[in-house]
N, C-alpha and C. Protein backbone atom coordinates (compact mmCIF):
# COMPACT_ATOMS: atom_id res chain seq x y z
N MET A 1 -10.39 -7.44 20.22
CA MET A 1 -9.83 -7.99 18.99
C MET A 1 -10.70 -9.17 18.58
N ASP A 2 -11.10 -9.18 17.33
CA ASP A 2 -11.95 -10.22 16.78
C ASP A 2 -11.13 -11.05 15.79
N THR A 3 -11.40 -12.34 15.70
CA THR A 3 -10.73 -13.21 14.74
C THR A 3 -11.75 -13.75 13.76
N VAL A 4 -11.44 -13.64 12.46
CA VAL A 4 -12.33 -14.16 11.42
C VAL A 4 -11.50 -15.03 10.49
N ASN A 5 -12.16 -16.03 9.88
CA ASN A 5 -11.43 -16.85 8.93
C ASN A 5 -11.39 -16.15 7.57
N ILE A 6 -10.54 -16.63 6.69
CA ILE A 6 -10.32 -15.97 5.40
C ILE A 6 -11.61 -15.89 4.58
N TYR A 7 -12.39 -16.96 4.57
CA TYR A 7 -13.63 -16.95 3.79
C TYR A 7 -14.55 -15.84 4.28
N GLU A 8 -14.71 -15.74 5.61
CA GLU A 8 -15.56 -14.69 6.17
C GLU A 8 -14.98 -13.31 5.86
N ALA A 9 -13.66 -13.18 5.90
CA ALA A 9 -13.02 -11.89 5.60
C ALA A 9 -13.27 -11.49 4.15
N LYS A 10 -13.18 -12.45 3.22
CA LYS A 10 -13.44 -12.14 1.81
C LYS A 10 -14.90 -11.74 1.62
N THR A 11 -15.79 -12.45 2.30
CA THR A 11 -17.21 -12.18 2.14
C THR A 11 -17.62 -10.84 2.74
N ASN A 12 -16.97 -10.45 3.84
CA ASN A 12 -17.38 -9.25 4.57
C ASN A 12 -16.28 -8.19 4.63
N LEU A 13 -15.44 -8.14 3.60
CA LEU A 13 -14.29 -7.23 3.65
C LEU A 13 -14.69 -5.79 3.91
N SER A 14 -15.68 -5.29 3.23
CA SER A 14 -16.08 -3.89 3.39
C SER A 14 -16.46 -3.59 4.84
N ALA A 15 -17.25 -4.47 5.43
CA ALA A 15 -17.66 -4.26 6.83
C ALA A 15 -16.47 -4.36 7.77
N LEU A 16 -15.54 -5.28 7.49
CA LEU A 16 -14.36 -5.41 8.34
C LEU A 16 -13.47 -4.18 8.25
N VAL A 17 -13.34 -3.62 7.04
CA VAL A 17 -12.55 -2.40 6.87
C VAL A 17 -13.20 -1.25 7.63
N ASP A 18 -14.51 -1.16 7.58
CA ASP A 18 -15.20 -0.11 8.34
C ASP A 18 -14.94 -0.26 9.84
N ARG A 19 -14.97 -1.48 10.32
CA ARG A 19 -14.71 -1.72 11.74
C ARG A 19 -13.28 -1.34 12.10
N ALA A 20 -12.33 -1.71 11.24
CA ALA A 20 -10.93 -1.36 11.50
C ALA A 20 -10.75 0.16 11.47
N ALA A 21 -11.39 0.82 10.52
CA ALA A 21 -11.31 2.28 10.45
C ALA A 21 -11.87 2.92 11.71
N GLY A 22 -12.80 2.22 12.36
CA GLY A 22 -13.38 2.72 13.60
C GLY A 22 -12.53 2.44 14.82
N GLY A 23 -11.38 1.78 14.63
CA GLY A 23 -10.47 1.57 15.74
C GLY A 23 -10.27 0.12 16.16
N GLU A 24 -11.04 -0.79 15.60
CA GLU A 24 -10.90 -2.20 15.97
C GLU A 24 -9.70 -2.84 15.30
N GLU A 25 -9.17 -3.88 15.93
CA GLU A 25 -8.14 -4.71 15.32
C GLU A 25 -8.77 -6.06 15.04
N ILE A 26 -8.64 -6.52 13.80
CA ILE A 26 -9.26 -7.78 13.40
C ILE A 26 -8.15 -8.71 12.92
N VAL A 27 -8.14 -9.93 13.46
CA VAL A 27 -7.16 -10.93 13.06
C VAL A 27 -7.81 -11.84 12.03
N ILE A 28 -7.09 -12.09 10.95
CA ILE A 28 -7.57 -12.98 9.91
C ILE A 28 -6.81 -14.30 10.05
N ALA A 29 -7.56 -15.40 10.08
CA ALA A 29 -6.96 -16.71 10.31
C ALA A 29 -7.21 -17.65 9.15
N ARG A 30 -6.29 -18.60 8.98
CA ARG A 30 -6.43 -19.68 8.00
C ARG A 30 -6.35 -20.98 8.80
N ASN A 31 -7.41 -21.77 8.71
CA ASN A 31 -7.48 -23.02 9.47
C ASN A 31 -7.25 -22.79 10.96
N GLY A 32 -7.79 -21.69 11.46
CA GLY A 32 -7.70 -21.38 12.88
C GLY A 32 -6.39 -20.76 13.32
N LYS A 33 -5.43 -20.59 12.41
CA LYS A 33 -4.14 -20.01 12.77
C LYS A 33 -4.06 -18.58 12.23
N PRO A 34 -3.78 -17.61 13.10
CA PRO A 34 -3.69 -16.21 12.66
C PRO A 34 -2.61 -16.03 11.59
N VAL A 35 -2.98 -15.32 10.52
CA VAL A 35 -2.02 -15.07 9.43
C VAL A 35 -1.88 -13.58 9.10
N ALA A 36 -2.84 -12.75 9.52
CA ALA A 36 -2.77 -11.32 9.19
C ALA A 36 -3.61 -10.52 10.18
N ARG A 37 -3.33 -9.22 10.22
CA ARG A 37 -4.11 -8.31 11.07
C ARG A 37 -4.63 -7.16 10.23
N LEU A 38 -5.86 -6.78 10.47
CA LEU A 38 -6.46 -5.61 9.85
C LEU A 38 -6.57 -4.57 10.95
N VAL A 39 -5.83 -3.48 10.79
CA VAL A 39 -5.77 -2.46 11.84
C VAL A 39 -6.02 -1.08 11.23
N PRO A 40 -6.46 -0.12 12.04
CA PRO A 40 -6.66 1.23 11.50
C PRO A 40 -5.31 1.89 11.23
N LEU A 41 -5.28 2.76 10.23
CA LEU A 41 -4.08 3.53 9.96
C LEU A 41 -3.89 4.56 11.07
N GLU A 42 -2.63 4.79 11.40
CA GLU A 42 -2.34 5.80 12.41
C GLU A 42 -2.47 7.18 11.77
N LYS A 43 -3.00 8.10 12.53
CA LYS A 43 -3.13 9.46 12.04
C LYS A 43 -1.81 10.19 12.27
N ARG A 44 -1.47 11.07 11.33
CA ARG A 44 -0.26 11.86 11.50
C ARG A 44 -0.45 12.83 12.65
N THR A 45 0.57 12.94 13.46
CA THR A 45 0.49 13.89 14.57
C THR A 45 1.05 15.25 14.17
N ALA A 46 1.89 15.26 13.14
CA ALA A 46 2.45 16.52 12.67
C ALA A 46 2.41 16.51 11.14
N PRO A 47 2.22 17.66 10.54
CA PRO A 47 2.22 17.71 9.08
C PRO A 47 3.62 17.39 8.53
N ARG A 48 3.65 16.93 7.29
CA ARG A 48 4.93 16.66 6.65
C ARG A 48 5.72 17.94 6.47
N ARG A 49 7.01 17.83 6.67
CA ARG A 49 7.89 18.97 6.42
C ARG A 49 8.14 19.08 4.94
N LEU A 50 7.87 20.22 4.37
CA LEU A 50 8.14 20.43 2.95
C LEU A 50 9.62 20.71 2.74
N GLY A 51 10.13 20.24 1.62
CA GLY A 51 11.53 20.51 1.29
C GLY A 51 12.51 19.68 2.10
N LEU A 52 12.08 18.52 2.57
CA LEU A 52 12.93 17.69 3.43
C LEU A 52 14.26 17.34 2.75
N TYR A 53 14.24 17.05 1.45
CA TYR A 53 15.46 16.67 0.74
C TYR A 53 15.96 17.78 -0.20
N ARG A 54 15.59 19.00 0.10
CA ARG A 54 16.05 20.13 -0.71
C ARG A 54 17.57 20.12 -0.76
N ASN A 55 18.12 20.38 -1.89
CA ASN A 55 19.57 20.41 -2.13
C ASN A 55 20.22 19.03 -2.07
N GLU A 56 19.44 17.97 -1.92
CA GLU A 56 20.00 16.61 -1.90
C GLU A 56 19.55 15.81 -3.13
N VAL A 57 18.41 16.16 -3.70
CA VAL A 57 17.87 15.44 -4.85
C VAL A 57 17.75 16.42 -6.00
N LYS A 58 18.25 15.99 -7.15
CA LYS A 58 18.16 16.83 -8.34
C LYS A 58 17.35 16.10 -9.41
N VAL A 59 16.50 16.82 -10.10
CA VAL A 59 15.72 16.28 -11.22
C VAL A 59 16.42 16.70 -12.49
N GLY A 60 16.75 15.72 -13.31
CA GLY A 60 17.48 16.00 -14.55
C GLY A 60 16.65 16.82 -15.52
N ALA A 61 17.35 17.54 -16.38
CA ALA A 61 16.67 18.37 -17.39
C ALA A 61 15.89 17.51 -18.37
N ASP A 62 16.27 16.22 -18.52
CA ASP A 62 15.59 15.33 -19.46
C ASP A 62 14.48 14.51 -18.80
N PHE A 63 14.04 14.90 -17.62
CA PHE A 63 13.04 14.16 -16.86
C PHE A 63 11.78 13.86 -17.68
N ASP A 64 11.30 14.84 -18.43
CA ASP A 64 10.06 14.68 -19.19
C ASP A 64 10.28 14.19 -20.62
N ASP A 65 11.50 13.91 -21.00
CA ASP A 65 11.78 13.43 -22.35
C ASP A 65 11.18 12.05 -22.56
N PRO A 66 10.85 11.70 -23.80
CA PRO A 66 10.34 10.35 -24.08
C PRO A 66 11.40 9.30 -23.71
N LEU A 67 10.93 8.14 -23.29
CA LEU A 67 11.84 7.06 -22.93
C LEU A 67 12.50 6.48 -24.17
N PRO A 68 13.72 5.96 -24.02
CA PRO A 68 14.38 5.29 -25.15
C PRO A 68 13.58 4.04 -25.56
N GLU A 69 13.70 3.67 -26.82
CA GLU A 69 12.93 2.54 -27.36
C GLU A 69 13.18 1.25 -26.59
N GLU A 70 14.42 0.98 -26.17
CA GLU A 70 14.70 -0.27 -25.45
C GLU A 70 13.97 -0.35 -24.10
N ILE A 71 13.78 0.77 -23.46
CA ILE A 71 13.03 0.78 -22.19
C ILE A 71 11.54 0.62 -22.47
N LEU A 72 11.03 1.29 -23.49
CA LEU A 72 9.63 1.11 -23.88
C LEU A 72 9.35 -0.34 -24.23
N ALA A 73 10.27 -0.99 -24.95
CA ALA A 73 10.12 -2.39 -25.32
C ALA A 73 10.06 -3.26 -24.07
N ALA A 74 10.86 -2.96 -23.08
CA ALA A 74 10.85 -3.72 -21.84
C ALA A 74 9.50 -3.60 -21.14
N PHE A 75 8.91 -2.42 -21.14
CA PHE A 75 7.60 -2.22 -20.55
C PHE A 75 6.52 -3.02 -21.28
N ARG A 76 6.71 -3.17 -22.57
CA ARG A 76 5.75 -3.94 -23.37
C ARG A 76 6.01 -5.44 -23.27
N GLY A 77 7.08 -5.84 -22.58
CA GLY A 77 7.41 -7.25 -22.43
C GLY A 77 8.15 -7.82 -23.61
N GLU A 78 8.71 -6.95 -24.43
CA GLU A 78 9.46 -7.40 -25.60
C GLU A 78 10.93 -7.57 -25.22
N LYS A 79 11.58 -8.48 -25.88
CA LYS A 79 13.02 -8.67 -25.63
C LYS A 79 13.81 -7.63 -26.40
N ALA A 80 14.86 -7.17 -25.77
CA ALA A 80 15.70 -6.15 -26.39
C ALA A 80 16.61 -6.73 -27.43
């Protein structure tokens, strides 16, 4: 396990991600105190089961309909 400070992590992020992808664990520190860990993602041991929530989740017939104007306004940051 290697420890790097935030400045070094920002400067060398791509290389650190490559190292983590290769199996290393890297600790990121601020003022010498650990604040985060960069670790490799775990690989799935089994494929996802399809249809896990079959018969439990329903998609409404209006799923693809345009959104109401008040919701569109909210997305644009406008007051209703």
